[in-house]
């Protein structure tokens, strides 16, 4: 009977696990999947419905209203929702008391986090498309010349909201931490709106006046404000990967550089 396997011609088969490449292409593909997951999240879908309903029930007609819609409404309505949606997607496995599905992929934790950051860029691109549509549909006022640095602040801020959501998921993995972070950002923006408008992450660039006929413009540099927002995005991105790298000093150094840029751009934009 021991010779039966030889007689039957049965040979031992070795199964080798195929390890897919974990290069930039794979990271980008996973980033596309994560972008779709975040866009499908109920928090973000509700904010998109809010934008549509806001235009449907009260289409802007005054110069102030149109400029605010063309440069800031998407941040105001989608920013917090993007933050919470990205955070909830990044923590979905941990909150369900199960391992996150992405560790099963043949790539290190750093690249899985990088895919979530790529998803943040994808959300920024979606926000830019929505913002350009709003400019085309809702802005026809010659009173205020539309400044494209103000328009471009929208995708940068939305990207930052998603990246910050991922950073909070990685650095502050405790219940209630995202809510506390959003509360702190809200308080900071309220302070900025009453003191130095351009120091806020959400800026209503047009200045409301009593008659709302000829609104003014808050003084400040839109270009430096873009740099200011981008530096915050970089700071959050370096924080998001802090626990995934072996050489911790690299994201610390990068975060310090972004923090310095926040201070410089924050001063120059005023």
Protein backbone atom coordinates (compact mmCIF):
# COMPACT_ATOMS: atom_id res chain seq x y z
CA UNK A 1 0.00 0.00 0.00
CA UNK A 2 2.92 2.35 0.61
CA UNK A 3 3.80 2.16 -3.05
CA UNK A 4 0.26 3.08 -4.12
CA UNK A 5 1.01 6.78 -4.47
CA UNK A 6 3.89 5.97 -6.84
CA UNK A 7 1.73 3.59 -8.84
CA UNK A 8 -1.02 6.14 -9.15
CA UNK A 9 1.45 8.81 -10.13
CA UNK A 10 0.44 11.19 -7.40
CA UNK A 11 3.09 13.83 -6.82
CA UNK A 12 3.44 16.28 -4.03
CA UNK A 13 2.34 19.73 -5.08
CA UNK A 14 3.85 22.79 -3.54
CA UNK A 15 1.67 25.86 -3.44
CA UNK A 16 3.50 29.13 -3.44
CA UNK A 17 1.75 32.24 -2.23
CA UNK A 18 1.87 34.96 -4.82
CA UNK A 19 2.99 38.25 -3.32
CA UNK A 20 1.69 41.20 -5.28
CA UNK A 21 3.94 44.21 -5.70
CA UNK A 22 3.34 46.89 -3.08
CA UNK A 23 4.63 49.75 -5.18
CA UNK A 24 3.06 53.07 -6.09
CA UNK A 25 0.61 51.49 -8.52
CA UNK A 26 -0.86 49.27 -5.82
CA UNK A 27 -1.02 52.18 -3.38
CA UNK A 28 -2.84 54.30 -5.95
CA UNK A 29 -5.30 51.50 -6.65
CA UNK A 30 -6.02 51.03 -2.95
CA UNK A 31 -6.35 54.80 -2.68
CA UNK A 32 -9.03 54.69 -5.35
CA UNK A 33 -10.91 52.03 -3.39
CA UNK A 34 -10.65 54.06 -0.18
CA UNK A 35 -11.85 57.18 -1.99
CA UNK A 36 -14.96 55.31 -3.10
CA UNK A 37 -15.55 54.04 0.45
CA UNK A 38 -15.34 57.54 1.90
CA UNK A 39 -17.56 59.03 -0.81
CA UNK A 40 -20.17 56.39 -0.04
CA UNK A 41 -20.14 57.10 3.67
CA UNK A 42 -23.51 58.41 4.92
CA UNK A 43 -21.91 61.44 6.61
CA UNK A 44 -20.47 62.67 3.33
CA UNK A 45 -23.57 61.79 1.32
CA UNK A 46 -25.72 63.85 3.70
CA UNK A 47 -23.42 66.85 3.23
CA UNK A 48 -23.69 66.55 -0.56
CA UNK A 49 -27.47 66.48 -0.29
CA UNK A 50 -27.23 69.54 1.95
CA UNK A 51 -25.31 71.42 -0.77
CA UNK A 52 -27.95 70.56 -3.38
CA UNK A 53 -30.85 71.45 -1.10
CA UNK A 54 -29.14 74.69 -0.04
CA UNK A 55 -28.97 75.83 -3.64
CA UNK A 56 -32.44 74.58 -4.45
CA UNK A 57 -34.23 76.38 -1.62
CA UNK A 58 -32.18 79.56 -1.62
CA UNK A 59 -30.32 80.22 -4.85
CA UNK A 60 -27.78 83.02 -4.23
CA UNK A 61 -28.57 86.33 -5.92
CA UNK A 62 -26.63 89.06 -4.06
CA UNK A 63 -22.90 89.62 -4.64
CA UNK A 64 -22.02 88.51 -1.11
CA UNK A 65 -24.06 85.32 -1.31
CA UNK A 66 -22.72 84.39 -4.73
CA UNK A 67 -19.09 84.97 -3.75
CA UNK A 68 -19.54 82.91 -0.58
CA UNK A 69 -21.09 80.06 -2.57
CA UNK A 70 -18.32 80.22 -5.17
CA UNK A 71 -15.47 80.20 -2.66
CA UNK A 72 -16.50 78.71 0.66
CA UNK A 73 -19.82 76.88 0.86
CA UNK A 74 -18.34 73.49 -0.03
CA UNK A 75 -15.82 73.79 2.83
CA UNK A 76 -18.52 74.86 5.27
CA UNK A 77 -20.88 72.01 4.37
CA UNK A 78 -18.49 69.21 3.36
CA UNK A 79 -15.43 69.89 5.52
CA UNK A 80 -16.63 68.44 8.85
CA UNK A 81 -18.44 65.58 7.08
CA UNK A 82 -15.26 64.71 5.15
CA UNK A 83 -13.25 64.69 8.38
CA UNK A 84 -15.66 62.32 10.13
CA UNK A 85 -16.16 60.10 7.06
CA UNK A 86 -12.40 59.64 6.57
CA UNK A 87 -11.91 58.99 10.28
CA UNK A 88 -14.72 56.44 10.43
CA UNK A 89 -13.45 54.60 7.35
CA UNK A 90 -9.91 54.54 8.77
CA UNK A 91 -11.17 53.12 12.09
CA UNK A 92 -13.94 50.86 10.79
CA UNK A 93 -12.08 47.64 11.57
CA UNK A 94 -11.08 48.67 15.08
CA UNK A 95 -14.57 49.88 15.96
CA UNK A 96 -16.11 46.57 14.86
CA UNK A 97 -13.71 44.66 17.17
CA UNK A 98 -12.16 43.01 14.15
CA UNK A 99 -8.89 43.40 12.34
CA UNK A 100 -8.90 45.96 9.55
CA UNK A 101 -9.16 44.23 6.19
CA UNK A 102 -6.23 46.08 4.65
CA UNK A 103 -3.52 44.37 6.79
CA UNK A 104 -4.26 41.20 4.79
CA UNK A 105 -2.90 42.96 1.73
CA UNK A 106 0.74 42.28 0.79
CA UNK A 107 1.98 45.77 1.68
CA UNK A 108 3.36 47.42 4.82
CA UNK A 109 1.28 49.59 7.13
CA UNK A 110 2.97 52.73 5.82
CA UNK A 111 1.66 52.17 2.32
CA UNK A 112 -1.81 51.32 3.58
CA UNK A 113 -1.86 54.66 5.40
CA UNK A 114 -0.48 56.32 2.27
CA UNK A 115 -3.46 54.91 0.35
CA UNK A 116 -5.81 56.68 2.76
CA UNK A 117 -3.88 59.90 2.21
CA UNK A 118 -4.20 59.40 -1.55
CA UNK A 119 -7.95 59.06 -0.95
CA UNK A 120 -7.82 62.51 0.67
CA UNK A 121 -6.38 63.92 -2.55
CA UNK A 122 -9.15 62.18 -4.48
CA UNK A 123 -11.76 63.82 -2.26
CA UNK A 124 -10.10 67.16 -2.91
CA UNK A 125 -10.45 66.56 -6.65
CA UNK A 126 -14.16 65.79 -6.20
CA UNK A 127 -14.56 68.98 -4.15
CA UNK A 128 -12.83 70.98 -6.90
CA UNK A 129 -15.21 69.58 -9.51
CA UNK A 130 -18.21 70.53 -7.35
CA UNK A 131 -16.76 73.98 -6.71
CA UNK A 132 -16.16 74.66 -10.41
CA UNK A 133 -19.73 73.59 -11.14
CA UNK A 134 -20.97 76.05 -8.51
CA UNK A 135 -18.86 78.83 -10.05
CA UNK A 136 -20.33 78.11 -13.48
CA UNK A 137 -23.92 77.88 -12.24
CA UNK A 138 -24.17 80.35 -9.38
CA UNK A 139 -21.66 83.15 -10.03
CA UNK A 140 -22.48 85.96 -12.45
CA UNK A 141 -21.73 89.09 -10.41
CA UNK A 142 -19.43 91.76 -11.93
CA UNK A 143 -19.30 93.63 -8.62
CA UNK A 144 -16.66 91.31 -7.12
CA UNK A 145 -13.93 89.88 -9.32
CA UNK A 146 -13.61 86.18 -8.58
CA UNK A 147 -10.16 85.33 -7.24
CA UNK A 148 -9.10 81.83 -8.16
CA UNK A 149 -6.81 81.54 -5.16
CA UNK A 150 -9.99 81.74 -3.09
CA UNK A 151 -11.66 79.07 -5.21
CA UNK A 152 -8.65 76.74 -4.97
CA UNK A 153 -8.72 76.93 -1.19
CA UNK A 154 -11.73 74.60 -1.33
CA UNK A 155 -10.02 71.39 -2.61
CA UNK A 156 -6.98 72.03 -0.41
CA UNK A 157 -9.17 72.40 2.68
CA UNK A 158 -11.25 69.31 1.85
CA UNK A 159 -8.07 67.29 1.30
CA UNK A 160 -6.84 68.56 4.66
CA UNK A 161 -10.09 67.50 6.36
CA UNK A 162 -9.70 63.94 5.07
CA UNK A 163 -5.99 63.76 5.93
CA UNK A 164 -6.67 65.11 9.41
CA UNK A 165 -9.37 62.47 9.88
CA UNK A 166 -6.81 59.76 9.05
CA UNK A 167 -4.20 61.35 11.34
CA UNK A 168 -6.61 61.42 14.27
CA UNK A 169 -7.50 57.77 13.58
CA UNK A 170 -3.82 56.80 13.73
CA UNK A 171 -2.60 59.04 16.57
CA UNK A 172 -5.70 59.32 18.81
CA UNK A 173 -7.45 55.92 18.62
CA UNK A 174 -9.86 56.63 21.46
CA UNK A 175 -13.63 57.13 21.48
CA UNK A 176 -14.57 60.79 21.37
CA UNK A 177 -11.19 62.00 20.11
CA UNK A 178 -12.46 63.01 16.63
CA UNK A 179 -15.32 64.97 18.19
CA UNK A 180 -12.93 66.84 20.49
CA UNK A 181 -10.62 67.67 17.58
CA UNK A 182 -13.51 68.99 15.48
CA UNK A 183 -14.78 71.02 18.44
CA UNK A 184 -11.32 72.59 18.85
CA UNK A 185 -11.16 73.44 15.12
CA UNK A 186 -14.64 74.97 15.27
CA UNK A 187 -13.71 77.15 18.27
CA UNK A 188 -10.51 78.24 16.49
CA UNK A 189 -12.46 79.24 13.37
CA UNK A 190 -14.99 81.18 15.43
CA UNK A 191 -12.11 83.08 17.03
CA UNK A 192 -10.52 83.69 13.63
CA UNK A 193 -13.76 84.99 12.12
CA UNK A 194 -13.94 87.57 14.90
CA UNK A 195 -10.27 88.56 14.85
CA UNK A 196 -7.99 87.45 11.98
CA UNK A 197 -10.19 85.89 9.31
CA UNK A 198 -7.37 84.38 7.26
CA UNK A 199 -6.08 82.34 10.19
CA UNK A 200 -9.16 80.11 9.95
CA UNK A 201 -9.24 76.90 7.96
CA UNK A 202 -12.62 78.00 6.61
CA UNK A 203 -12.62 81.61 5.36
CA UNK A 204 -15.59 83.60 4.15
CA UNK A 205 -13.53 85.88 1.92
CA UNK A 206 -16.33 88.32 1.05
CA UNK A 207 -17.13 90.79 3.79
CA UNK A 208 -20.81 91.13 4.59
CA UNK A 209 -22.22 94.66 4.71
CA UNK A 210 -25.54 95.99 5.98
CA UNK A 211 -27.07 96.57 2.56
CA UNK A 212 -25.35 93.54 0.97
CA UNK A 213 -25.21 95.44 -2.31
CA UNK A 214 -21.50 96.21 -2.57
CA UNK A 215 -19.69 93.85 -0.21
CA UNK A 216 -16.08 94.35 0.64
CA UNK A 217 -13.25 91.85 0.70
CA UNK A 218 -11.35 90.86 3.81
CA UNK A 219 -7.73 92.05 3.51
CA UNK A 220 -5.22 89.29 3.05
CA UNK A 221 -3.25 87.27 0.51
CA UNK A 222 -5.16 84.41 -1.09
CA UNK A 223 -1.93 82.88 -2.42
CA UNK A 224 -0.28 82.77 1.00
CA UNK A 225 -3.51 81.39 2.44
CA UNK A 226 -3.22 78.47 0.02
CA UNK A 227 0.33 77.85 1.25
CA UNK A 228 -0.97 78.12 4.82
CA UNK A 229 -3.63 75.47 4.19
CA UNK A 230 -1.22 73.21 2.29
CA UNK A 231 1.24 73.37 5.19
CA UNK A 232 -1.50 72.21 7.55
CA UNK A 233 -2.25 69.33 5.17
CA UNK A 234 1.42 68.33 5.21
CA UNK A 235 1.52 68.56 9.00
CA UNK A 236 -1.47 66.21 9.28
CA UNK A 237 -0.03 63.82 6.68
CA UNK A 238 3.28 63.47 8.55
CA UNK A 239 1.32 62.87 11.74
CA UNK A 240 -0.73 60.15 10.06
CA UNK A 241 2.36 58.08 9.17
CA UNK A 242 4.19 58.68 12.45
CA UNK A 243 3.36 55.23 13.87
CA UNK A 244 4.03 53.39 10.61
CA UNK A 245 7.67 54.30 10.01
CA UNK A 246 10.84 52.88 11.49
CA UNK A 247 12.75 56.15 11.34
CA UNK A 248 10.42 58.32 13.40
CA UNK A 249 12.68 61.32 12.98
CA UNK A 250 11.71 61.59 9.29
CA UNK A 251 8.01 62.50 9.81
CA UNK A 252 8.98 64.52 12.89
CA UNK A 253 11.39 66.56 10.77
CA UNK A 254 8.84 66.90 7.98
CA UNK A 255 6.14 67.92 10.45
CA UNK A 256 8.46 70.50 11.98
CA UNK A 257 9.13 71.97 8.53
CA UNK A 258 5.40 72.13 7.81
CA UNK A 259 4.78 73.70 11.21
CA UNK A 260 7.36 76.38 10.48
CA UNK A 261 5.72 77.00 7.10
CA UNK A 262 2.34 77.37 8.84
CA UNK A 263 3.80 80.13 11.01
CA UNK A 264 5.51 81.91 8.11
CA UNK A 265 2.58 81.68 5.69
CA UNK A 266 0.16 82.54 8.49
CA UNK A 267 2.02 85.78 9.11
CA UNK A 268 2.52 86.67 5.43
CA UNK A 269 -1.13 86.13 4.49
CA UNK A 270 -2.39 88.79 6.90
